[in-house]
């Protein structure tokens, strides 16, 4: 079950990749660092090719992020994406994913959007952009109202505030773009990427176990 795996992983690197040829060494660095999932954002022409390459692996759960349209979702799934992440709450996109039995995490910034997700039977949404929306304090307020909803905060998450988010019982995981900096990827600094991910994994291992 995807969401059960997500709860165990707790941290998903969010990646912008301009060269699909870097997909394999990037995947190697992520896995070597200790994580088993990645979100490839559909912000570049190379993203789908990168998803296809990385999705062929058995040691990495690959999803597509920044999915704005139904056509993008279909293309990503055709390339092997196991889950879809959208920055907003698109009923058309969510309905298609549910019908196709593809895990989907739509972005929600307001109570109205969270209720729209609930009405479609979802129990996990992306809180985006997390820090700009008020961060942990805002999530505390939202979770008090939407007690059955779980969240994956993304946007402004760093090693410094990661554990503050994960300490909230209804936060299943966080998305982190700091783990694979665009500059590091372009300069092929895979050692730095692996080390940054390993440091984050160490943070997770040293943090208290949460029961969700």
N, C-alpha and C. Protein backbone atom coordinates (compact mmCIF):
# COMPACT_ATOMS: atom_id res chain seq x y z
N UNK A 1 0.87 -1.19 0.00
CA UNK A 1 0.00 0.00 0.00
C UNK A 1 0.91 1.24 0.00
N UNK A 2 0.68 2.13 -0.95
CA UNK A 2 1.57 3.28 -1.13
C UNK A 2 1.67 4.15 0.12
N UNK A 3 0.54 4.51 0.71
CA UNK A 3 0.57 5.45 1.82
C UNK A 3 1.21 4.83 3.07
N UNK A 4 1.12 3.53 3.21
CA UNK A 4 1.82 2.87 4.31
C UNK A 4 3.33 2.96 4.10
N UNK A 5 3.77 2.79 2.84
CA UNK A 5 5.19 2.94 2.53
C UNK A 5 5.65 4.37 2.80
N UNK A 6 4.81 5.33 2.42
CA UNK A 6 5.15 6.75 2.61
C UNK A 6 5.36 7.07 4.09
N UNK A 7 4.52 6.51 4.94
CA UNK A 7 4.66 6.74 6.38
C UNK A 7 5.99 6.21 6.90
N UNK A 8 6.47 5.13 6.31
CA UNK A 8 7.74 4.56 6.75
C UNK A 8 8.92 5.37 6.21
N UNK A 9 8.80 5.86 4.98
CA UNK A 9 9.88 6.61 4.35
C UNK A 9 10.07 7.97 5.01
N UNK A 10 8.97 8.70 5.22
CA UNK A 10 8.92 9.97 5.96
C UNK A 10 9.54 11.17 5.24
N UNK A 11 10.35 10.93 4.22
CA UNK A 11 11.01 12.04 3.53
C UNK A 11 11.18 11.68 2.06
N UNK A 12 10.70 12.57 1.17
CA UNK A 12 10.76 12.34 -0.26
C UNK A 12 11.53 13.48 -0.94
N UNK A 13 12.67 13.20 -1.55
CA UNK A 13 13.38 14.24 -2.29
C UNK A 13 12.53 14.74 -3.45
N UNK A 14 12.47 16.06 -3.62
CA UNK A 14 11.73 16.67 -4.72
C UNK A 14 12.77 17.23 -5.69
N UNK A 15 12.74 16.73 -6.94
CA UNK A 15 13.85 16.97 -7.86
C UNK A 15 13.40 17.67 -9.14
N UNK A 16 14.18 18.66 -9.56
CA UNK A 16 14.06 19.27 -10.88
C UNK A 16 15.27 18.79 -11.68
N UNK A 17 15.04 18.05 -12.76
CA UNK A 17 16.14 17.47 -13.52
C UNK A 17 16.08 17.92 -14.98
N UNK A 18 17.18 18.47 -15.47
CA UNK A 18 17.24 18.98 -16.84
C UNK A 18 17.88 18.01 -17.82
N UNK A 19 18.51 16.95 -17.31
CA UNK A 19 19.22 16.00 -18.15
C UNK A 19 18.88 14.59 -17.69
N UNK A 20 18.09 13.89 -18.49
CA UNK A 20 17.67 12.53 -18.12
C UNK A 20 18.85 11.58 -18.03
N UNK A 21 19.97 11.95 -18.63
CA UNK A 21 21.16 11.12 -18.55
C UNK A 21 21.73 11.05 -17.13
N UNK A 22 21.28 11.96 -16.27
CA UNK A 22 21.74 11.97 -14.89
C UNK A 22 20.82 11.17 -13.97
N UNK A 23 19.78 10.60 -14.53
CA UNK A 23 18.78 9.91 -13.71
C UNK A 23 19.37 8.71 -12.97
N UNK A 24 20.19 7.93 -13.65
CA UNK A 24 20.74 6.73 -13.01
C UNK A 24 21.70 7.06 -11.88
N UNK A 25 22.71 7.93 -12.09
CA UNK A 25 23.58 8.25 -10.96
C UNK A 25 22.84 8.99 -9.83
N UNK A 26 21.81 9.75 -10.18
CA UNK A 26 21.01 10.39 -9.14
C UNK A 26 20.28 9.35 -8.31
N UNK A 27 19.67 8.39 -8.97
CA UNK A 27 18.98 7.31 -8.26
C UNK A 27 19.95 6.55 -7.37
N UNK A 28 21.14 6.30 -7.88
CA UNK A 28 22.16 5.61 -7.08
C UNK A 28 22.48 6.40 -5.82
N UNK A 29 22.61 7.72 -5.95
CA UNK A 29 22.95 8.57 -4.81
C UNK A 29 21.83 8.59 -3.78
N UNK A 30 20.59 8.64 -4.24
CA UNK A 30 19.44 8.66 -3.34
C UNK A 30 19.37 7.37 -2.53
N UNK A 31 19.50 6.25 -3.22
CA UNK A 31 19.43 4.95 -2.55
C UNK A 31 20.62 4.76 -1.61
N UNK A 32 21.81 5.15 -2.07
CA UNK A 32 23.01 5.02 -1.23
C UNK A 32 22.91 5.89 0.01
N UNK A 33 22.19 7.02 -0.10
CA UNK A 33 22.01 7.90 1.04
C UNK A 33 21.03 7.36 2.06
N UNK A 34 20.20 6.41 1.63
CA UNK A 34 19.29 5.76 2.58
C UNK A 34 17.81 5.99 2.36
N UNK A 35 17.45 6.62 1.23
CA UNK A 35 16.03 6.82 0.93
C UNK A 35 15.58 5.93 -0.21
N UNK A 36 14.29 5.68 -0.29
CA UNK A 36 13.77 4.76 -1.30
C UNK A 36 12.63 5.34 -2.11
N UNK A 37 12.54 6.67 -2.13
CA UNK A 37 11.49 7.31 -2.93
C UNK A 37 12.00 8.65 -3.46
N UNK A 38 11.41 9.09 -4.57
CA UNK A 38 11.77 10.38 -5.15
C UNK A 38 10.58 10.92 -5.93
N UNK A 39 10.44 12.23 -5.91
CA UNK A 39 9.42 12.91 -6.71
C UNK A 39 10.13 13.73 -7.78
N UNK A 40 9.94 13.34 -9.04
CA UNK A 40 10.51 14.08 -10.17
C UNK A 40 9.48 15.08 -10.66
N UNK A 41 9.78 16.35 -10.56
CA UNK A 41 8.81 17.37 -10.95
C UNK A 41 8.77 17.53 -12.47
N UNK A 42 7.57 17.71 -13.00
CA UNK A 42 7.40 17.87 -14.45
C UNK A 42 7.59 19.34 -14.85
N UNK A 43 8.76 19.86 -14.51
CA UNK A 43 9.07 21.25 -14.82
C UNK A 43 10.05 21.37 -15.99
N UNK A 44 10.51 20.25 -16.49
CA UNK A 44 11.47 20.26 -17.59
C UNK A 44 11.06 19.24 -18.64
N UNK A 45 11.62 19.40 -19.83
CA UNK A 45 11.33 18.47 -20.92
C UNK A 45 11.93 17.09 -20.68
N UNK A 46 12.91 17.01 -19.80
CA UNK A 46 13.60 15.74 -19.54
C UNK A 46 12.96 14.93 -18.41
N UNK A 47 11.98 15.51 -17.74
CA UNK A 47 11.43 14.88 -16.54
C UNK A 47 10.82 13.51 -16.80
N UNK A 48 10.04 13.38 -17.86
CA UNK A 48 9.39 12.09 -18.13
C UNK A 48 10.41 11.00 -18.45
N UNK A 49 11.43 11.36 -19.21
CA UNK A 49 12.48 10.38 -19.52
C UNK A 49 13.21 9.96 -18.25
N UNK A 50 13.42 10.90 -17.36
CA UNK A 50 14.08 10.57 -16.09
C UNK A 50 13.20 9.64 -15.25
N UNK A 51 11.90 9.91 -15.23
CA UNK A 51 10.97 9.04 -14.51
C UNK A 51 11.03 7.63 -15.07
N UNK A 52 11.04 7.52 -16.38
CA UNK A 52 11.06 6.20 -17.01
C UNK A 52 12.31 5.43 -16.63
N UNK A 53 13.45 6.09 -16.62
CA UNK A 53 14.70 5.43 -16.26
C UNK A 53 14.69 4.99 -14.80
N UNK A 54 14.28 5.88 -13.92
CA UNK A 54 14.34 5.59 -12.49
C UNK A 54 13.26 4.60 -12.06
N UNK A 55 12.12 4.64 -12.75
CA UNK A 55 11.01 3.74 -12.39
C UNK A 55 11.32 2.29 -12.71
N UNK A 56 12.31 2.06 -13.55
CA UNK A 56 12.68 0.69 -13.90
C UNK A 56 13.40 -0.03 -12.76
N UNK A 57 13.82 0.74 -11.76
CA UNK A 57 14.53 0.16 -10.62
C UNK A 57 13.55 -0.46 -9.63
N UNK A 58 14.02 -1.47 -8.91
CA UNK A 58 13.19 -2.12 -7.91
C UNK A 58 13.42 -1.55 -6.51
N UNK A 59 14.43 -0.67 -6.38
CA UNK A 59 14.78 -0.16 -5.06
C UNK A 59 14.37 1.30 -4.86
N UNK A 60 13.54 1.81 -5.77
CA UNK A 60 13.16 3.22 -5.68
C UNK A 60 11.71 3.40 -6.12
N UNK A 61 10.92 4.06 -5.27
CA UNK A 61 9.53 4.35 -5.59
C UNK A 61 9.49 5.76 -6.19
N UNK A 62 9.16 5.82 -7.47
CA UNK A 62 9.26 7.07 -8.22
C UNK A 62 7.87 7.67 -8.48
N UNK A 63 7.75 8.95 -8.18
CA UNK A 63 6.50 9.64 -8.45
C UNK A 63 6.73 10.87 -9.31
N UNK A 64 5.67 11.41 -9.84
CA UNK A 64 5.73 12.64 -10.64
C UNK A 64 5.13 13.78 -9.84
N UNK A 65 5.86 14.91 -9.81
CA UNK A 65 5.38 16.08 -9.11
C UNK A 65 5.13 17.24 -10.05
N UNK A 66 4.56 18.32 -9.51
CA UNK A 66 4.16 19.48 -10.31
C UNK A 66 3.31 19.04 -11.50
N UNK A 67 2.41 18.12 -11.25
CA UNK A 67 1.49 17.63 -12.29
C UNK A 67 0.31 18.58 -12.35
N UNK A 68 0.18 19.27 -13.48
CA UNK A 68 -0.83 20.32 -13.61
C UNK A 68 -2.03 19.91 -14.45
N UNK A 69 -1.84 18.91 -15.32
CA UNK A 69 -2.91 18.53 -16.24
C UNK A 69 -3.13 17.03 -16.24
N UNK A 70 -4.28 16.64 -16.75
CA UNK A 70 -4.60 15.22 -16.87
C UNK A 70 -3.65 14.54 -17.84
N UNK A 71 -3.31 15.20 -18.93
CA UNK A 71 -2.39 14.62 -19.90
C UNK A 71 -1.02 14.36 -19.28
N UNK A 72 -0.55 15.27 -18.43
CA UNK A 72 0.72 15.07 -17.76
C UNK A 72 0.66 13.86 -16.83
N UNK A 73 -0.43 13.72 -16.13
CA UNK A 73 -0.59 12.59 -15.22
C UNK A 73 -0.55 11.27 -15.99
N UNK A 74 -1.28 11.23 -17.10
CA UNK A 74 -1.31 10.01 -17.91
C UNK A 74 0.08 9.68 -18.46
N UNK A 75 0.80 10.69 -18.93
CA UNK A 75 2.13 10.48 -19.47
C UNK A 75 3.09 9.98 -18.39
N UNK A 76 2.99 10.55 -17.21
CA UNK A 76 3.87 10.15 -16.11
C UNK A 76 3.61 8.69 -15.71
N UNK A 77 2.34 8.33 -15.64
CA UNK A 77 2.00 6.95 -15.29
C UNK A 77 2.48 6.00 -16.38
N UNK A 78 2.33 6.40 -17.63
CA UNK A 78 2.83 5.58 -18.74
C UNK A 78 4.34 5.35 -18.65
N UNK A 79 5.04 6.32 -18.05
CA UNK A 79 6.50 6.21 -17.90
C UNK A 79 6.89 5.45 -16.62
N UNK A 80 5.90 5.06 -15.84
CA UNK A 80 6.19 4.25 -14.67
C UNK A 80 6.02 4.93 -13.33
N UNK A 81 5.54 6.18 -13.31
CA UNK A 81 5.34 6.86 -12.03
C UNK A 81 4.33 6.11 -11.18
N UNK A 82 4.68 5.88 -9.92
CA UNK A 82 3.81 5.14 -9.02
C UNK A 82 2.85 6.03 -8.26
N UNK A 83 3.11 7.33 -8.24
CA UNK A 83 2.20 8.25 -7.56
C UNK A 83 2.28 9.61 -8.23
N UNK A 84 1.24 10.39 -8.04
CA UNK A 84 1.11 11.71 -8.65
C UNK A 84 0.97 12.76 -7.55
N UNK A 85 1.75 13.83 -7.69
CA UNK A 85 1.68 14.95 -6.75
C UNK A 85 1.39 16.21 -7.54
N UNK A 86 0.38 16.95 -7.10
CA UNK A 86 -0.01 18.17 -7.79
C UNK A 86 0.11 19.35 -6.83
N UNK A 87 0.46 20.54 -7.33
CA UNK A 87 0.56 21.70 -6.44
C UNK A 87 -0.80 22.21 -5.98
N UNK A 88 -1.85 21.84 -6.69
CA UNK A 88 -3.19 22.31 -6.34
C UNK A 88 -4.20 21.17 -6.32
N UNK A 89 -5.42 21.50 -5.94
CA UNK A 89 -6.50 20.52 -5.85
C UNK A 89 -7.34 20.58 -7.13
N UNK A 90 -7.01 19.69 -8.08
CA UNK A 90 -7.74 19.61 -9.34
C UNK A 90 -8.69 18.43 -9.30
N UNK A 91 -10.01 18.68 -9.24
CA UNK A 91 -10.97 17.57 -9.20
C UNK A 91 -10.82 16.62 -10.39
N UNK A 92 -10.60 17.15 -11.57
CA UNK A 92 -10.48 16.30 -12.76
C UNK A 92 -9.28 15.36 -12.63
N UNK A 93 -8.16 15.91 -12.20
CA UNK A 93 -6.94 15.12 -12.03
C UNK A 93 -7.11 14.07 -10.94
N UNK A 94 -7.66 14.49 -9.81
CA UNK A 94 -7.86 13.56 -8.70
C UNK A 94 -8.82 12.44 -9.09
N UNK A 95 -9.92 12.79 -9.74
CA UNK A 95 -10.90 11.78 -10.13
C UNK A 95 -10.29 10.73 -11.06
N UNK A 96 -9.47 11.18 -12.01
CA UNK A 96 -8.83 10.22 -12.93
C UNK A 96 -7.89 9.29 -12.17
N UNK A 97 -7.08 9.85 -11.26
CA UNK A 97 -6.15 9.02 -10.50
C UNK A 97 -6.89 7.99 -9.66
N UNK A 98 -7.97 8.41 -9.02
CA UNK A 98 -8.75 7.49 -8.21
C UNK A 98 -9.34 6.37 -9.07
N UNK A 99 -9.86 6.72 -10.24
CA UNK A 99 -10.44 5.72 -11.13
C UNK A 99 -9.37 4.76 -11.64
N UNK A 100 -8.16 5.28 -11.86
CA UNK A 100 -7.06 4.45 -12.37
C UNK A 100 -6.29 3.77 -11.24
N UNK A 101 -6.72 4.01 -10.00
CA UNK A 101 -6.07 3.43 -8.82
C UNK A 101 -4.60 3.85 -8.71
N UNK A 102 -4.35 5.12 -9.02
CA UNK A 102 -3.02 5.71 -8.89
C UNK A 102 -3.02 6.61 -7.65
N UNK A 103 -2.15 6.37 -6.69
CA UNK A 103 -2.10 7.26 -5.52
C UNK A 103 -1.86 8.71 -5.94
N UNK A 104 -2.65 9.60 -5.39
CA UNK A 104 -2.54 11.01 -5.75
C UNK A 104 -2.51 11.86 -4.49
N UNK A 105 -1.63 12.86 -4.50
CA UNK A 105 -1.51 13.78 -3.36
C UNK A 105 -1.66 15.19 -3.90
N UNK A 106 -2.87 15.73 -3.86
CA UNK A 106 -3.08 17.09 -4.37
C UNK A 106 -2.63 18.13 -3.36
N UNK A 107 -2.20 19.28 -3.86
CA UNK A 107 -1.79 20.37 -3.00
C UNK A 107 -2.98 21.12 -2.45
N UNK A 108 -2.95 21.40 -1.16
CA UNK A 108 -4.03 22.15 -0.52
C UNK A 108 -3.43 23.27 0.33
N UNK A 109 -3.96 24.46 0.15
CA UNK A 109 -3.48 25.62 0.90
C UNK A 109 -4.56 26.20 1.80
N UNK A 110 -5.80 25.74 1.65
CA UNK A 110 -6.92 26.31 2.40
C UNK A 110 -7.84 25.21 2.93
N UNK A 111 -8.64 25.53 3.95
CA UNK A 111 -9.63 24.57 4.43
C UNK A 111 -10.61 24.13 3.34
N UNK A 112 -10.97 25.03 2.45
CA UNK A 112 -11.89 24.68 1.37
C UNK A 112 -11.31 23.57 0.49
N UNK A 113 -10.03 23.70 0.14
CA UNK A 113 -9.40 22.68 -0.69
C UNK A 113 -9.28 21.36 0.04
N UNK A 114 -9.01 21.42 1.33
CA UNK A 114 -8.93 20.18 2.11
C UNK A 114 -10.28 19.48 2.13
N UNK A 115 -11.36 20.25 2.29
CA UNK A 115 -12.69 19.66 2.27
C UNK A 115 -13.02 19.07 0.90
N UNK A 116 -12.57 19.72 -0.16
CA UNK A 116 -12.78 19.17 -1.50
C UNK A 116 -12.09 17.82 -1.65
N UNK A 117 -10.89 17.71 -1.08
CA UNK A 117 -10.17 16.44 -1.13
C UNK A 117 -10.90 15.37 -0.32
N UNK A 118 -11.39 15.77 0.84
CA UNK A 118 -12.12 14.83 1.69
C UNK A 118 -13.38 14.31 1.00
N UNK A 119 -14.06 15.19 0.29
CA UNK A 119 -15.29 14.81 -0.40
C UNK A 119 -15.04 13.75 -1.47
N UNK A 120 -13.80 13.66 -1.94
CA UNK A 120 -13.44 12.65 -2.92
C UNK A 120 -12.82 11.41 -2.28
N UNK A 121 -12.86 11.37 -0.97
CA UNK A 121 -12.39 10.19 -0.26
C UNK A 121 -10.90 10.17 0.05
N UNK A 122 -10.21 11.28 -0.19
CA UNK A 122 -8.78 11.31 0.08
C UNK A 122 -8.54 11.55 1.57
N UNK A 123 -7.48 10.94 2.10
CA UNK A 123 -7.12 11.19 3.49
C UNK A 123 -5.69 11.69 3.63
N UNK A 124 -5.04 12.00 2.49
CA UNK A 124 -3.69 12.55 2.52
C UNK A 124 -3.57 13.61 1.43
N UNK A 125 -3.10 14.81 1.82
CA UNK A 125 -2.92 15.88 0.85
C UNK A 125 -1.54 16.52 1.07
N UNK A 126 -1.11 17.25 0.08
CA UNK A 126 0.14 18.01 0.16
C UNK A 126 -0.18 19.39 0.73
N UNK A 127 0.53 19.79 1.77
CA UNK A 127 0.38 21.14 2.31
C UNK A 127 1.46 21.99 1.65
N UNK A 128 1.03 22.84 0.73
CA UNK A 128 1.99 23.54 -0.13
C UNK A 128 1.50 24.96 -0.46
N UNK A 129 2.43 25.93 -0.44
CA UNK A 129 3.83 25.87 0.03
C UNK A 129 3.88 26.03 1.55
N UNK A 130 4.40 25.05 2.21
CA UNK A 130 4.26 24.91 3.66
C UNK A 130 4.74 26.12 4.46
N UNK A 131 5.98 26.48 4.30
CA UNK A 131 6.52 27.57 5.10
C UNK A 131 5.83 28.91 4.81
N UNK A 132 5.56 29.15 3.55
CA UNK A 132 4.92 30.41 3.16
C UNK A 132 3.49 30.51 3.69
N UNK A 133 2.87 29.36 3.94
CA UNK A 133 1.48 29.34 4.42
C UNK A 133 1.38 29.43 5.94
N UNK A 134 2.51 29.45 6.60
CA UNK A 134 2.46 29.53 8.06
C UNK A 134 3.12 28.37 8.75
N UNK A 135 3.62 27.40 7.97
CA UNK A 135 4.41 26.32 8.51
C UNK A 135 3.71 25.47 9.55
N UNK A 136 4.48 25.08 10.55
CA UNK A 136 3.99 24.17 11.59
C UNK A 136 2.79 24.75 12.33
N UNK A 137 2.83 26.05 12.63
CA UNK A 137 1.72 26.67 13.36
C UNK A 137 0.41 26.55 12.59
N UNK A 138 0.47 26.75 11.28
CA UNK A 138 -0.74 26.63 10.46
C UNK A 138 -1.22 25.18 10.43
N UNK A 139 -0.28 24.25 10.34
CA UNK A 139 -0.67 22.83 10.31
C UNK A 139 -1.30 22.39 11.62
N UNK A 140 -0.81 22.91 12.72
CA UNK A 140 -1.41 22.59 14.02
C UNK A 140 -2.89 23.01 14.03
N UNK A 141 -3.16 24.18 13.49
CA UNK A 141 -4.54 24.66 13.42
C UNK A 141 -5.38 23.80 12.50
N UNK A 142 -4.85 23.48 11.34
CA UNK A 142 -5.60 22.67 10.36
C UNK A 142 -5.87 21.27 10.88
N UNK A 143 -4.87 20.65 11.51
CA UNK A 143 -5.06 19.28 11.98
C UNK A 143 -6.04 19.20 13.14
N UNK A 144 -6.19 20.30 13.87
CA UNK A 144 -7.18 20.31 14.95
C UNK A 144 -8.59 20.26 14.39
N UNK A 145 -8.76 20.85 13.20
CA UNK A 145 -10.08 20.88 12.55
C UNK A 145 -10.30 19.63 11.71
N UNK A 146 -9.29 19.27 10.91
CA UNK A 146 -9.40 18.12 10.01
C UNK A 146 -8.64 16.94 10.61
N UNK A 147 -9.26 16.35 11.62
CA UNK A 147 -8.56 15.34 12.41
C UNK A 147 -8.36 14.01 11.67
N UNK A 148 -9.09 13.78 10.60
CA UNK A 148 -8.94 12.54 9.85
C UNK A 148 -8.00 12.70 8.65
N UNK A 149 -7.53 13.93 8.43
CA UNK A 149 -6.68 14.19 7.27
C UNK A 149 -5.21 14.11 7.64
N UNK A 150 -4.43 13.58 6.69
CA UNK A 150 -2.98 13.53 6.86
C UNK A 150 -2.33 14.44 5.82
N UNK A 151 -1.11 14.88 6.12
CA UNK A 151 -0.47 15.89 5.30
C UNK A 151 0.97 15.52 4.94
N UNK A 152 1.37 15.97 3.73
CA UNK A 152 2.76 15.90 3.31
C UNK A 152 3.21 17.33 3.02
N UNK A 153 3.77 18.02 4.02
CA UNK A 153 4.22 19.40 3.80
C UNK A 153 5.38 19.44 2.80
N UNK A 154 5.33 20.41 1.92
CA UNK A 154 6.39 20.62 0.93
C UNK A 154 6.49 22.12 0.66
N UNK A 155 7.71 22.59 0.52
CA UNK A 155 7.90 24.02 0.25
C UNK A 155 8.54 24.70 1.44
N UNK A 156 9.85 24.91 1.36
CA UNK A 156 10.56 25.54 2.45
C UNK A 156 11.02 24.58 3.54
N UNK A 157 10.85 23.29 3.31
CA UNK A 157 11.31 22.29 4.28
C UNK A 157 12.83 22.19 4.17
N UNK A 158 13.50 22.17 5.31
CA UNK A 158 14.95 22.05 5.36
C UNK A 158 15.33 21.10 6.50
N UNK A 159 16.62 20.82 6.60
CA UNK A 159 17.09 19.97 7.70
C UNK A 159 16.81 20.63 9.04
N UNK A 160 16.71 21.97 9.07
CA UNK A 160 16.50 22.69 10.32
C UNK A 160 15.06 22.60 10.84
N UNK A 161 14.09 22.46 9.93
CA UNK A 161 12.70 22.43 10.40
C UNK A 161 12.00 21.10 10.13
N UNK A 162 12.69 20.15 9.51
CA UNK A 162 12.09 18.87 9.15
C UNK A 162 11.44 18.17 10.33
N UNK A 163 12.15 18.05 11.42
CA UNK A 163 11.63 17.29 12.56
C UNK A 163 10.46 18.01 13.23
N UNK A 164 10.40 19.33 13.10
CA UNK A 164 9.25 20.06 13.65
C UNK A 164 7.97 19.65 12.94
N UNK A 165 8.06 19.46 11.63
CA UNK A 165 6.89 19.00 10.88
C UNK A 165 6.56 17.55 11.20
N UNK A 166 7.58 16.70 11.19
CA UNK A 166 7.34 15.27 11.39
C UNK A 166 6.88 14.95 12.81
N UNK A 167 7.07 15.89 13.74
CA UNK A 167 6.60 15.68 15.11
C UNK A 167 5.08 15.74 15.20
N UNK A 168 4.43 16.33 14.20
CA UNK A 168 2.97 16.40 14.19
C UNK A 168 2.41 15.04 13.78
N UNK A 169 1.53 14.47 14.57
CA UNK A 169 1.03 13.11 14.31
C UNK A 169 0.40 12.93 12.93
N UNK A 170 -0.20 13.97 12.38
CA UNK A 170 -0.89 13.82 11.10
C UNK A 170 -0.01 14.11 9.89
N UNK A 171 1.25 14.38 10.13
CA UNK A 171 2.20 14.55 9.01
C UNK A 171 2.81 13.19 8.71
N UNK A 172 2.53 12.67 7.53
CA UNK A 172 3.02 11.33 7.18
C UNK A 172 4.43 11.37 6.63
N UNK A 173 4.77 12.47 5.95
CA UNK A 173 6.10 12.60 5.34
C UNK A 173 6.26 14.05 4.91
N UNK A 174 7.48 14.41 4.56
CA UNK A 174 7.75 15.74 4.03
C UNK A 174 8.43 15.63 2.68
N UNK A 175 8.17 16.60 1.82
CA UNK A 175 8.87 16.69 0.55
C UNK A 175 10.02 17.67 0.71
N UNK A 176 11.21 17.31 0.22
CA UNK A 176 12.36 18.16 0.42
C UNK A 176 13.17 18.42 -0.84
N UNK A 177 13.15 19.65 -1.31
CA UNK A 177 13.94 20.00 -2.50
C UNK A 177 15.39 20.30 -2.13
N UNK A 178 15.65 20.56 -0.85
CA UNK A 178 17.03 20.87 -0.45
C UNK A 178 17.96 19.66 -0.57
N UNK A 179 17.38 18.47 -0.62
CA UNK A 179 18.20 17.25 -0.66
C UNK A 179 18.95 17.09 -1.98
N UNK A 180 18.33 17.57 -3.06
CA UNK A 180 18.96 17.47 -4.39
C UNK A 180 18.94 18.87 -5.00
N UNK A 181 19.90 19.67 -4.62
CA UNK A 181 19.97 21.03 -5.13
C UNK A 181 20.20 21.00 -6.64
N UNK A 182 19.51 21.89 -7.35
CA UNK A 182 19.63 21.92 -8.82
C UNK A 182 21.08 22.12 -9.25
N UNK A 183 21.80 22.98 -8.54
CA UNK A 183 23.19 23.22 -8.87
C UNK A 183 24.04 21.98 -8.71
N UNK A 184 23.80 21.25 -7.64
CA UNK A 184 24.55 20.01 -7.43
C UNK A 184 24.29 19.03 -8.57
N UNK A 185 23.05 18.94 -8.98
CA UNK A 185 22.70 17.99 -10.03
C UNK A 185 23.34 18.38 -11.35
N UNK A 186 23.28 19.65 -11.70
CA UNK A 186 23.87 20.12 -12.95
C UNK A 186 25.39 19.92 -12.96
N UNK A 187 26.00 20.06 -11.78
CA UNK A 187 27.45 19.92 -11.68
C UNK A 187 27.87 18.48 -11.35
N UNK A 188 26.89 17.58 -11.34
CA UNK A 188 27.12 16.16 -11.11
C UNK A 188 27.80 15.90 -9.76
N UNK A 189 27.37 16.62 -8.76
CA UNK A 189 27.93 16.45 -7.42
C UNK A 189 27.12 15.39 -6.66
N UNK A 190 27.24 14.16 -7.12
CA UNK A 190 26.43 13.09 -6.54
C UNK A 190 26.90 12.69 -5.15
N UNK A 191 28.17 12.91 -4.87
CA UNK A 191 28.66 12.64 -3.51
C UNK A 191 27.99 13.57 -2.52
N UNK A 192 27.88 14.86 -2.90
CA UNK A 192 27.23 15.83 -2.02
C UNK A 192 25.76 15.48 -1.81
N UNK A 193 25.11 15.05 -2.89
CA UNK A 193 23.70 14.66 -2.79
C UNK A 193 23.55 13.47 -1.84
N UNK A 194 24.38 12.47 -2.04
CA UNK A 194 24.32 11.28 -1.17
C UNK A 194 24.56 11.66 0.29
N UNK A 195 25.54 12.51 0.53
CA UNK A 195 25.86 12.90 1.90
C UNK A 195 24.74 13.71 2.54
N UNK A 196 24.12 14.60 1.77
CA UNK A 196 23.02 15.40 2.31
C UNK A 196 21.83 14.52 2.66
N UNK A 197 21.54 13.55 1.80
CA UNK A 197 20.45 12.62 2.08
C UNK A 197 20.78 11.77 3.29
N UNK A 198 22.02 11.31 3.39
CA UNK A 198 22.43 10.50 4.54
C UNK A 198 22.29 11.28 5.84
N UNK A 199 22.61 12.57 5.81
CA UNK A 199 22.45 13.40 7.01
C UNK A 199 20.99 13.51 7.41
N UNK A 200 20.13 13.66 6.41
CA UNK A 200 18.69 13.75 6.70
C UNK A 200 18.16 12.42 7.25
N UNK A 201 18.62 11.33 6.69
CA UNK A 201 18.20 10.01 7.16
C UNK A 201 18.65 9.80 8.61
N UNK A 202 19.84 10.28 8.93
CA UNK A 202 20.33 10.18 10.31
C UNK A 202 19.44 10.98 11.26
N UNK A 203 18.98 12.14 10.80
CA UNK A 203 18.04 12.93 11.60
C UNK A 203 16.77 12.12 11.89
N UNK A 204 16.26 11.48 10.85
CA UNK A 204 15.05 10.68 11.00
C UNK A 204 15.25 9.53 11.97
N UNK A 205 16.40 8.89 11.86
CA UNK A 205 16.67 7.73 12.72
C UNK A 205 16.82 8.13 14.17
N UNK A 206 17.27 9.35 14.40
CA UNK A 206 17.48 9.81 15.78
C UNK A 206 16.24 10.48 16.36
N UNK A 207 15.21 10.65 15.53
CA UNK A 207 13.99 11.31 16.03
C UNK A 207 13.06 10.27 16.65
N UNK A 208 12.15 10.72 17.52
CA UNK A 208 11.23 9.77 18.18
C UNK A 208 10.34 9.08 17.16
N UNK A 209 10.04 7.82 17.44
CA UNK A 209 9.12 7.06 16.59
C UNK A 209 7.72 7.58 16.78
N UNK A 210 6.99 7.74 15.68
CA UNK A 210 5.62 8.25 15.73
C UNK A 210 4.65 7.16 15.37
N UNK A 211 3.53 7.13 16.00
CA UNK A 211 2.47 6.18 15.65
C UNK A 211 1.38 6.94 14.91
N UNK A 212 1.13 6.55 13.67
CA UNK A 212 0.12 7.25 12.86
C UNK A 212 -1.14 6.42 12.75
